[in-house]
N, C-alpha and C. Protein backbone atom coordinates (compact mmCIF):
# COMPACT_ATOMS: atom_id res chain seq x y z
N MET A 1 23.75 -20.42 -11.13
CA MET A 1 25.10 -20.00 -11.40
C MET A 1 25.83 -19.84 -10.07
N THR A 2 27.06 -20.31 -10.04
CA THR A 2 27.88 -20.14 -8.84
C THR A 2 29.20 -19.52 -9.22
N TYR A 3 29.79 -18.87 -8.27
CA TYR A 3 31.14 -18.35 -8.45
C TYR A 3 32.09 -19.31 -7.76
N ILE A 4 33.19 -19.62 -8.38
CA ILE A 4 34.17 -20.51 -7.80
C ILE A 4 35.33 -19.68 -7.28
N GLN A 5 35.60 -19.82 -6.02
CA GLN A 5 36.69 -19.09 -5.38
C GLN A 5 37.77 -20.09 -5.02
N PRO A 6 38.94 -20.02 -5.67
CA PRO A 6 39.98 -20.97 -5.32
C PRO A 6 40.51 -20.69 -3.92
N ALA A 7 40.70 -21.72 -3.16
CA ALA A 7 41.28 -21.58 -1.82
C ALA A 7 42.80 -21.69 -1.95
N PHE A 8 43.50 -21.28 -0.95
CA PHE A 8 44.96 -21.29 -1.00
C PHE A 8 45.54 -22.70 -1.01
N ASP A 9 44.76 -23.68 -0.54
CA ASP A 9 45.28 -25.04 -0.53
C ASP A 9 44.98 -25.80 -1.82
N GLY A 10 44.46 -25.12 -2.81
CA GLY A 10 44.21 -25.74 -4.10
C GLY A 10 42.78 -26.24 -4.27
N THR A 11 41.97 -26.28 -3.20
CA THR A 11 40.58 -26.70 -3.33
C THR A 11 39.74 -25.52 -3.79
N HIS A 12 38.56 -25.81 -4.27
CA HIS A 12 37.66 -24.75 -4.73
C HIS A 12 36.44 -24.71 -3.83
N LEU A 13 36.05 -23.51 -3.45
CA LEU A 13 34.84 -23.32 -2.65
C LEU A 13 33.78 -22.72 -3.56
N ALA A 14 32.65 -23.37 -3.66
CA ALA A 14 31.56 -22.86 -4.49
C ALA A 14 30.64 -22.02 -3.63
N ALA A 15 30.31 -20.85 -4.10
CA ALA A 15 29.39 -19.95 -3.39
C ALA A 15 28.28 -19.55 -4.34
N ALA A 16 27.14 -19.31 -3.79
CA ALA A 16 26.01 -18.86 -4.61
C ALA A 16 26.34 -17.52 -5.24
N ALA A 17 25.86 -17.32 -6.44
CA ALA A 17 26.07 -16.05 -7.13
C ALA A 17 25.33 -14.95 -6.38
N PRO A 18 25.86 -13.74 -6.39
CA PRO A 18 25.13 -12.65 -5.74
C PRO A 18 23.79 -12.42 -6.43
N ALA A 19 22.84 -11.92 -5.67
CA ALA A 19 21.51 -11.68 -6.21
C ALA A 19 21.57 -10.69 -7.36
N VAL A 20 20.78 -10.95 -8.36
CA VAL A 20 20.70 -10.02 -9.49
C VAL A 20 19.99 -8.77 -9.00
N SER A 21 20.53 -7.62 -9.33
CA SER A 21 19.89 -6.39 -8.87
C SER A 21 18.53 -6.24 -9.55
N ARG A 22 17.63 -5.59 -8.87
CA ARG A 22 16.28 -5.43 -9.40
C ARG A 22 16.28 -4.44 -10.54
N ARG A 23 15.42 -4.70 -11.48
CA ARG A 23 15.26 -3.81 -12.63
C ARG A 23 14.67 -2.49 -12.15
N ILE A 24 15.11 -1.40 -12.74
CA ILE A 24 14.60 -0.07 -12.39
C ILE A 24 13.87 0.48 -13.61
N VAL A 25 12.62 0.89 -13.42
CA VAL A 25 11.82 1.47 -14.49
C VAL A 25 12.14 2.96 -14.56
N ASP A 26 12.31 3.48 -15.77
CA ASP A 26 12.72 4.88 -15.95
C ASP A 26 11.60 5.90 -15.68
N ASP A 27 10.38 5.55 -16.00
CA ASP A 27 9.26 6.48 -15.87
C ASP A 27 8.40 6.10 -14.67
N TYR A 28 8.18 7.05 -13.76
CA TYR A 28 7.45 6.75 -12.53
C TYR A 28 6.02 6.28 -12.82
N GLU A 29 5.31 6.97 -13.70
CA GLU A 29 3.93 6.59 -13.98
C GLU A 29 3.85 5.21 -14.64
N ALA A 30 4.81 4.90 -15.50
CA ALA A 30 4.85 3.56 -16.11
C ALA A 30 5.12 2.51 -15.03
N TRP A 31 5.97 2.85 -14.07
CA TRP A 31 6.24 1.93 -12.96
C TRP A 31 4.98 1.68 -12.15
N VAL A 32 4.24 2.75 -11.83
CA VAL A 32 3.00 2.60 -11.07
C VAL A 32 2.03 1.68 -11.83
N ASP A 33 1.90 1.90 -13.13
CA ASP A 33 1.02 1.06 -13.94
C ASP A 33 1.46 -0.40 -13.92
N GLU A 34 2.76 -0.63 -13.87
CA GLU A 34 3.27 -2.01 -13.89
C GLU A 34 3.07 -2.73 -12.55
N VAL A 35 3.26 -2.03 -11.43
CA VAL A 35 3.20 -2.70 -10.12
C VAL A 35 1.79 -2.67 -9.51
N TRP A 36 0.94 -1.79 -9.97
CA TRP A 36 -0.41 -1.62 -9.40
C TRP A 36 -1.17 -2.94 -9.30
N PRO A 37 -1.25 -3.74 -10.36
CA PRO A 37 -2.03 -5.00 -10.27
C PRO A 37 -1.55 -5.94 -9.16
N ALA A 38 -0.26 -5.95 -8.88
CA ALA A 38 0.25 -6.83 -7.82
C ALA A 38 -0.28 -6.40 -6.45
N PHE A 39 -0.41 -5.10 -6.23
CA PHE A 39 -0.90 -4.62 -4.95
C PHE A 39 -2.42 -4.74 -4.85
N VAL A 40 -3.11 -4.62 -5.96
CA VAL A 40 -4.57 -4.86 -5.96
C VAL A 40 -4.83 -6.33 -5.64
N GLU A 41 -4.01 -7.21 -6.21
CA GLU A 41 -4.15 -8.64 -5.92
C GLU A 41 -3.88 -8.92 -4.44
N ALA A 42 -2.85 -8.28 -3.88
CA ALA A 42 -2.55 -8.47 -2.46
C ALA A 42 -3.70 -7.95 -1.60
N ALA A 43 -4.28 -6.83 -1.99
CA ALA A 43 -5.42 -6.26 -1.24
C ALA A 43 -6.63 -7.18 -1.34
N ASP A 44 -6.85 -7.76 -2.50
CA ASP A 44 -7.99 -8.66 -2.69
C ASP A 44 -7.87 -9.93 -1.86
N SER A 45 -6.64 -10.28 -1.48
CA SER A 45 -6.45 -11.49 -0.66
C SER A 45 -6.96 -11.28 0.76
N ARG A 46 -7.12 -10.02 1.16
CA ARG A 46 -7.60 -9.64 2.51
C ARG A 46 -6.66 -10.13 3.60
N SER A 47 -5.40 -10.42 3.28
CA SER A 47 -4.39 -10.78 4.26
C SER A 47 -3.47 -9.57 4.46
N PRO A 48 -2.99 -9.33 5.68
CA PRO A 48 -2.07 -8.21 5.91
C PRO A 48 -0.77 -8.41 5.11
N PHE A 49 -0.21 -7.30 4.64
CA PHE A 49 1.02 -7.36 3.87
C PHE A 49 1.80 -6.06 4.02
N THR A 50 3.09 -6.13 3.72
CA THR A 50 3.90 -4.92 3.63
C THR A 50 4.23 -4.71 2.15
N ILE A 51 4.56 -3.49 1.82
CA ILE A 51 4.90 -3.17 0.43
C ILE A 51 6.11 -3.99 -0.01
N ALA A 52 7.11 -4.09 0.87
CA ALA A 52 8.33 -4.82 0.53
C ALA A 52 8.05 -6.31 0.32
N ASP A 53 7.15 -6.88 1.11
CA ASP A 53 6.82 -8.30 0.95
C ASP A 53 6.22 -8.58 -0.42
N VAL A 54 5.29 -7.73 -0.84
CA VAL A 54 4.65 -7.92 -2.15
C VAL A 54 5.69 -7.72 -3.26
N ALA A 55 6.52 -6.70 -3.11
CA ALA A 55 7.54 -6.42 -4.13
C ALA A 55 8.50 -7.60 -4.27
N ALA A 56 8.90 -8.20 -3.16
CA ALA A 56 9.82 -9.33 -3.21
C ALA A 56 9.13 -10.58 -3.76
N ARG A 57 7.91 -10.84 -3.29
CA ARG A 57 7.20 -12.05 -3.71
C ARG A 57 6.89 -12.02 -5.20
N LYS A 58 6.53 -10.85 -5.73
CA LYS A 58 6.17 -10.72 -7.14
C LYS A 58 7.35 -10.29 -8.02
N GLN A 59 8.53 -10.10 -7.39
CA GLN A 59 9.73 -9.66 -8.09
C GLN A 59 9.47 -8.40 -8.91
N LEU A 60 8.90 -7.39 -8.25
CA LEU A 60 8.55 -6.15 -8.92
C LEU A 60 9.80 -5.29 -9.14
N PRO A 61 9.80 -4.49 -10.19
CA PRO A 61 10.93 -3.61 -10.44
C PRO A 61 10.91 -2.43 -9.47
N ASP A 62 12.03 -1.74 -9.39
CA ASP A 62 12.12 -0.54 -8.57
C ASP A 62 11.69 0.67 -9.37
N PRO A 63 11.20 1.72 -8.69
CA PRO A 63 10.88 2.97 -9.38
C PRO A 63 12.17 3.70 -9.75
N PRO A 64 12.09 4.79 -10.50
CA PRO A 64 13.29 5.53 -10.88
C PRO A 64 14.16 5.94 -9.70
N ARG A 65 13.55 6.37 -8.61
CA ARG A 65 14.29 6.74 -7.40
C ARG A 65 13.77 5.88 -6.24
N PRO A 66 14.32 4.68 -6.07
CA PRO A 66 13.79 3.72 -5.10
C PRO A 66 13.77 4.23 -3.66
N ALA A 67 14.75 5.02 -3.27
CA ALA A 67 14.83 5.46 -1.88
C ALA A 67 13.64 6.32 -1.48
N SER A 68 13.06 7.04 -2.43
CA SER A 68 11.96 7.93 -2.06
C SER A 68 10.61 7.56 -2.67
N GLN A 69 10.60 6.86 -3.79
CA GLN A 69 9.34 6.68 -4.49
C GLN A 69 8.55 5.45 -4.08
N TRP A 70 9.15 4.48 -3.39
CA TRP A 70 8.36 3.35 -2.89
C TRP A 70 7.34 3.86 -1.88
N GLY A 71 7.68 4.88 -1.12
CA GLY A 71 6.79 5.39 -0.08
C GLY A 71 5.55 6.08 -0.59
N SER A 72 5.58 6.57 -1.82
CA SER A 72 4.41 7.27 -2.35
C SER A 72 3.36 6.30 -2.89
N LEU A 73 3.75 5.07 -3.15
CA LEU A 73 2.79 4.10 -3.69
C LEU A 73 1.66 3.79 -2.71
N PRO A 74 1.94 3.54 -1.42
CA PRO A 74 0.82 3.26 -0.51
C PRO A 74 -0.16 4.43 -0.42
N ALA A 75 0.32 5.64 -0.50
CA ALA A 75 -0.59 6.79 -0.45
C ALA A 75 -1.53 6.77 -1.65
N ARG A 76 -1.01 6.44 -2.81
CA ARG A 76 -1.87 6.34 -3.99
C ARG A 76 -2.89 5.22 -3.84
N LEU A 77 -2.43 4.09 -3.30
CA LEU A 77 -3.35 2.97 -3.10
C LEU A 77 -4.43 3.32 -2.07
N GLN A 78 -4.06 4.07 -1.04
CA GLN A 78 -5.05 4.51 -0.05
C GLN A 78 -6.03 5.49 -0.68
N ASP A 79 -5.51 6.43 -1.47
CA ASP A 79 -6.38 7.41 -2.11
C ASP A 79 -7.39 6.75 -3.04
N ALA A 80 -7.00 5.62 -3.63
CA ALA A 80 -7.91 4.88 -4.51
C ALA A 80 -8.85 3.98 -3.73
N GLY A 81 -8.68 3.93 -2.40
CA GLY A 81 -9.56 3.12 -1.56
C GLY A 81 -9.24 1.63 -1.62
N ILE A 82 -8.05 1.28 -2.06
CA ILE A 82 -7.70 -0.13 -2.23
C ILE A 82 -7.16 -0.74 -0.94
N ILE A 83 -6.38 0.03 -0.18
CA ILE A 83 -5.79 -0.48 1.06
C ILE A 83 -6.07 0.47 2.20
N ARG A 84 -5.90 -0.06 3.41
CA ARG A 84 -5.98 0.76 4.61
C ARG A 84 -4.89 0.29 5.57
N HIS A 85 -4.53 1.15 6.50
CA HIS A 85 -3.49 0.81 7.46
C HIS A 85 -4.00 -0.27 8.40
N HIS A 86 -3.15 -1.27 8.66
CA HIS A 86 -3.55 -2.39 9.51
C HIS A 86 -2.70 -2.48 10.78
N GLY A 87 -1.46 -2.00 10.72
CA GLY A 87 -0.57 -2.07 11.87
C GLY A 87 0.86 -1.78 11.45
N PHE A 88 1.79 -2.29 12.24
CA PHE A 88 3.21 -2.10 11.97
C PHE A 88 3.91 -3.44 12.03
N GLY A 89 5.02 -3.56 11.31
CA GLY A 89 5.80 -4.78 11.32
C GLY A 89 7.21 -4.52 10.83
N GLY A 90 8.05 -5.54 10.85
CA GLY A 90 9.42 -5.40 10.39
C GLY A 90 9.53 -5.66 8.90
N SER A 91 10.58 -5.16 8.30
CA SER A 91 10.78 -5.35 6.87
C SER A 91 12.21 -5.80 6.61
N GLN A 92 12.37 -6.87 5.85
CA GLN A 92 13.71 -7.31 5.46
C GLN A 92 14.37 -6.27 4.57
N ARG A 93 13.60 -5.70 3.64
CA ARG A 93 14.15 -4.72 2.70
C ARG A 93 14.65 -3.48 3.41
N ALA A 94 13.95 -3.08 4.46
CA ALA A 94 14.32 -1.87 5.20
C ALA A 94 15.18 -2.22 6.42
N HIS A 95 15.84 -3.36 6.37
CA HIS A 95 16.76 -3.79 7.44
C HIS A 95 16.09 -3.83 8.80
N GLN A 96 14.96 -4.51 8.87
CA GLN A 96 14.20 -4.71 10.10
C GLN A 96 13.65 -3.41 10.69
N SER A 97 13.54 -2.38 9.89
CA SER A 97 12.91 -1.15 10.35
C SER A 97 11.42 -1.39 10.54
N LEU A 98 10.80 -0.55 11.33
CA LEU A 98 9.36 -0.64 11.53
C LEU A 98 8.67 -0.04 10.31
N VAL A 99 7.81 -0.81 9.67
CA VAL A 99 7.11 -0.36 8.48
C VAL A 99 5.61 -0.57 8.65
N HIS A 100 4.84 0.07 7.81
CA HIS A 100 3.39 -0.08 7.84
C HIS A 100 3.00 -1.45 7.31
N VAL A 101 1.99 -2.02 7.92
CA VAL A 101 1.36 -3.24 7.41
C VAL A 101 -0.01 -2.81 6.90
N TRP A 102 -0.34 -3.25 5.69
CA TRP A 102 -1.58 -2.85 5.02
C TRP A 102 -2.50 -4.04 4.89
N ILE A 103 -3.77 -3.74 4.70
CA ILE A 103 -4.76 -4.78 4.41
C ILE A 103 -5.73 -4.19 3.38
N GLY A 104 -6.28 -5.06 2.56
CA GLY A 104 -7.16 -4.60 1.50
C GLY A 104 -8.53 -4.18 2.00
N VAL A 105 -9.09 -3.22 1.32
CA VAL A 105 -10.46 -2.79 1.55
C VAL A 105 -11.35 -3.64 0.64
N PRO A 106 -12.47 -4.15 1.13
CA PRO A 106 -13.35 -4.94 0.26
C PRO A 106 -13.71 -4.15 -1.01
N ALA A 107 -13.73 -4.83 -2.12
CA ALA A 107 -13.96 -4.18 -3.42
C ALA A 107 -15.25 -3.35 -3.44
N ALA A 108 -16.27 -3.82 -2.77
CA ALA A 108 -17.55 -3.10 -2.77
C ALA A 108 -17.48 -1.77 -2.01
N MET A 109 -16.50 -1.62 -1.14
CA MET A 109 -16.40 -0.41 -0.32
C MET A 109 -15.33 0.56 -0.80
N ARG A 110 -14.59 0.22 -1.84
CA ARG A 110 -13.44 1.02 -2.25
C ARG A 110 -13.81 2.44 -2.66
N GLU A 111 -14.85 2.61 -3.43
CA GLU A 111 -15.21 3.97 -3.87
C GLU A 111 -15.66 4.81 -2.68
N MET A 112 -16.39 4.22 -1.74
CA MET A 112 -16.82 4.96 -0.56
C MET A 112 -15.61 5.40 0.27
N VAL A 113 -14.64 4.52 0.45
CA VAL A 113 -13.43 4.84 1.21
C VAL A 113 -12.64 5.93 0.50
N ALA A 114 -12.51 5.84 -0.82
CA ALA A 114 -11.78 6.86 -1.58
C ALA A 114 -12.46 8.21 -1.47
N ALA A 115 -13.80 8.24 -1.55
CA ALA A 115 -14.54 9.50 -1.44
C ALA A 115 -14.35 10.11 -0.05
N ARG A 116 -14.41 9.29 0.99
CA ARG A 116 -14.21 9.80 2.34
C ARG A 116 -12.81 10.37 2.51
N ARG A 117 -11.84 9.70 1.94
CA ARG A 117 -10.46 10.19 2.02
C ARG A 117 -10.31 11.53 1.30
N ARG A 118 -10.94 11.69 0.15
CA ARG A 118 -10.90 12.98 -0.56
C ARG A 118 -11.54 14.07 0.28
N GLU A 119 -12.67 13.76 0.92
CA GLU A 119 -13.35 14.75 1.77
C GLU A 119 -12.48 15.15 2.96
N GLU A 120 -11.83 14.18 3.59
CA GLU A 120 -10.97 14.49 4.73
C GLU A 120 -9.80 15.38 4.33
N ARG A 121 -9.20 15.09 3.17
CA ARG A 121 -8.09 15.94 2.70
C ARG A 121 -8.57 17.35 2.39
N ALA A 122 -9.75 17.47 1.78
CA ALA A 122 -10.29 18.80 1.48
C ALA A 122 -10.57 19.56 2.77
N ALA A 123 -11.08 18.89 3.79
CA ALA A 123 -11.35 19.54 5.07
C ALA A 123 -10.04 20.00 5.73
N ARG A 124 -9.00 19.19 5.66
CA ARG A 124 -7.69 19.58 6.21
C ARG A 124 -7.12 20.79 5.47
N ARG A 125 -7.25 20.78 4.15
CA ARG A 125 -6.76 21.93 3.37
C ARG A 125 -7.51 23.20 3.75
N ALA A 126 -8.82 23.08 3.91
CA ALA A 126 -9.63 24.25 4.28
C ALA A 126 -9.25 24.75 5.67
N ALA A 127 -9.01 23.85 6.60
CA ALA A 127 -8.62 24.24 7.96
C ALA A 127 -7.26 24.94 7.94
N ARG A 128 -6.32 24.43 7.16
CA ARG A 128 -5.00 25.09 7.06
C ARG A 128 -5.13 26.47 6.44
N ALA A 129 -5.95 26.59 5.42
CA ALA A 129 -6.16 27.90 4.78
C ALA A 129 -6.78 28.88 5.77
N GLU A 130 -7.71 28.39 6.56
CA GLU A 130 -8.36 29.25 7.57
C GLU A 130 -7.34 29.69 8.62
N GLN A 131 -6.46 28.79 9.04
CA GLN A 131 -5.42 29.15 10.01
C GLN A 131 -4.47 30.18 9.44
N ARG A 132 -4.07 30.02 8.19
CA ARG A 132 -3.18 31.00 7.56
C ARG A 132 -3.87 32.35 7.44
N LYS A 133 -5.15 32.33 7.12
CA LYS A 133 -5.91 33.57 6.98
C LYS A 133 -6.02 34.28 8.33
N ALA A 134 -6.25 33.50 9.39
CA ALA A 134 -6.37 34.09 10.73
C ALA A 134 -5.03 34.61 11.22
N ALA A 135 -3.93 33.97 10.84
CA ALA A 135 -2.60 34.40 11.27
C ALA A 135 -2.15 35.67 10.55
N ALA A 136 -2.67 35.92 9.38
CA ALA A 136 -2.24 37.09 8.59
C ALA A 136 -2.91 38.36 9.00
């Protein structure tokens, strides 16, 4: 589809139609369930990727609050042992901002990575509780 813009001299200039806005899912958990397989597939490829690249390539919908909820997805994927941090790169979606680049964890190691991550979080919580207790 193109939009036709008449020029003042009587000729018509054809321009590409603006991009269709991305669909927004109303329920966050339903959105996670819908986009999860695309990120597991990207992780299984064992190639580095950004969240925005996968979302654009697979034409994934946006979460209910796109400005804040895209960032929580990588944390969930890390907690499940599916991805790990690989580096930093630019993002078209974030206007060339520096974003995380992720890479998949081998399927055989995912549960071990998830368990280690749970243990690390529990240790951090315990250390913070100890600090608060000592400060009081």
